[in-house]
Amino acid sequence: MTFKLFKVTLRGGINPGSTDYNASFVVAESPDAAYQAVRDFLDNNNLCHDYERELKSIELLAEDREYPACRTMLFLAEARP
């Protein structure tokens, strides 16, 4: 399993003075899974209008592999008990 770091940008979700949902960073295995994680969070918490939750872009920032196609490595630290 290879983890990837994605930047998920939505059509809206800009909220001055509160959490900005426009851009989120997600560790996932695929772009679809990254967007779905953001979309599920917004849907489940009834945040933003429906049209603001639509995907604008997804950018691959880093990968958990030695020679990533995006040329940037992602390092995952082990969780401590």
Protein backbone atom coordinates (compact mmCIF):
# COMPACT_ATOMS: atom_id res chain seq x y z
CA MET A 1 0.00 0.00 0.00
CA THR A 2 1.44 3.36 -1.07
CA PHE A 3 0.25 6.48 0.66
CA LYS A 4 0.14 9.77 -1.17
CA LEU A 5 -0.31 13.34 0.03
CA PHE A 6 -2.92 15.26 -1.96
CA LYS A 7 -4.06 18.87 -1.88
CA VAL A 8 -7.83 18.86 -2.47
CA THR A 9 -9.25 22.22 -3.58
CA LEU A 10 -13.00 22.84 -3.66
CA ARG A 11 -15.05 25.36 -5.65
CA GLY A 12 -15.98 27.20 -2.44
CA GLY A 13 -15.64 26.72 1.28
CA ILE A 14 -13.81 29.96 1.98
CA ASN A 15 -14.95 31.22 5.37
CA PRO A 16 -13.16 34.29 6.76
CA GLY A 17 -12.84 34.13 10.52
CA SER A 18 -13.38 30.36 10.73
CA THR A 19 -11.99 27.13 9.30
CA ASP A 20 -11.17 27.43 5.60
CA TYR A 21 -12.53 24.34 3.83
CA ASN A 22 -11.42 25.50 0.37
CA ALA A 23 -8.11 23.61 0.46
CA SER A 24 -7.44 20.46 2.47
CA PHE A 25 -4.47 18.12 2.69
CA VAL A 26 -5.26 14.41 2.68
CA VAL A 27 -3.14 11.27 2.95
CA ALA A 28 -4.84 8.61 0.85
CA GLU A 29 -4.12 5.88 -1.69
CA SER A 30 -5.84 7.61 -4.62
CA PRO A 31 -7.20 10.99 -5.71
CA ASP A 32 -10.76 9.62 -5.53
CA ALA A 33 -10.26 8.49 -1.93
CA ALA A 34 -8.77 11.90 -1.03
CA TYR A 35 -11.73 13.86 -2.39
CA GLN A 36 -14.21 11.41 -0.89
CA ALA A 37 -12.67 11.90 2.58
CA VAL A 38 -13.13 15.67 2.34
CA ARG A 39 -16.60 15.40 0.82
CA ASP A 40 -17.78 12.90 3.47
CA PHE A 41 -16.56 15.19 6.27
CA LEU A 42 -18.37 18.22 4.83
CA ASP A 43 -21.56 16.24 4.10
CA ASN A 44 -21.65 14.55 7.52
CA ASN A 45 -21.13 17.86 9.33
CA ASN A 46 -23.43 19.86 7.03
CA LEU A 47 -20.69 22.37 6.21
CA CYS A 48 -20.71 24.64 3.14
CA HIS A 49 -23.36 24.71 0.43
CA ASP A 50 -23.60 21.76 -1.98
CA TYR A 51 -22.05 23.68 -4.88
CA GLU A 52 -19.13 24.75 -2.66
CA ARG A 53 -18.33 21.10 -1.90
CA GLU A 54 -17.67 20.33 -5.57
CA LEU A 55 -14.13 19.44 -6.56
CA LYS A 56 -12.06 22.11 -8.29
CA SER A 57 -8.70 20.31 -8.37
CA ILE A 58 -6.55 17.63 -6.79
CA GLU A 59 -2.77 17.92 -6.72
CA LEU A 60 -0.38 15.10 -5.83
CA LEU A 61 2.24 16.61 -3.52
CA ALA A 62 4.24 13.61 -2.28
CA GLU A 63 4.35 9.81 -2.25
CA ASP A 64 5.49 7.21 0.28
CA ARG A 65 7.98 5.53 -2.06
CA GLU A 66 11.67 5.79 -2.86
CA TYR A 67 11.31 7.16 -6.39
CA PRO A 68 7.94 8.94 -6.55
CA ALA A 69 6.55 10.05 -9.91
CA CYS A 70 5.86 13.50 -8.43
CA ARG A 71 9.54 13.70 -7.35
CA THR A 72 8.74 14.44 -3.69
CA MET A 73 8.91 11.82 -0.95
CA LEU A 74 6.35 11.50 1.83
CA PHE A 75 7.64 10.16 5.15
CA LEU A 76 5.23 8.55 7.59
CA ALA A 77 6.32 8.52 11.22
CA GLU A 78 5.38 5.56 13.38
CA ALA A 79 2.69 6.18 15.93
CA ARG A 80 3.81 6.04 19.54
CA PRO A 81 1.76 4.19 22.16
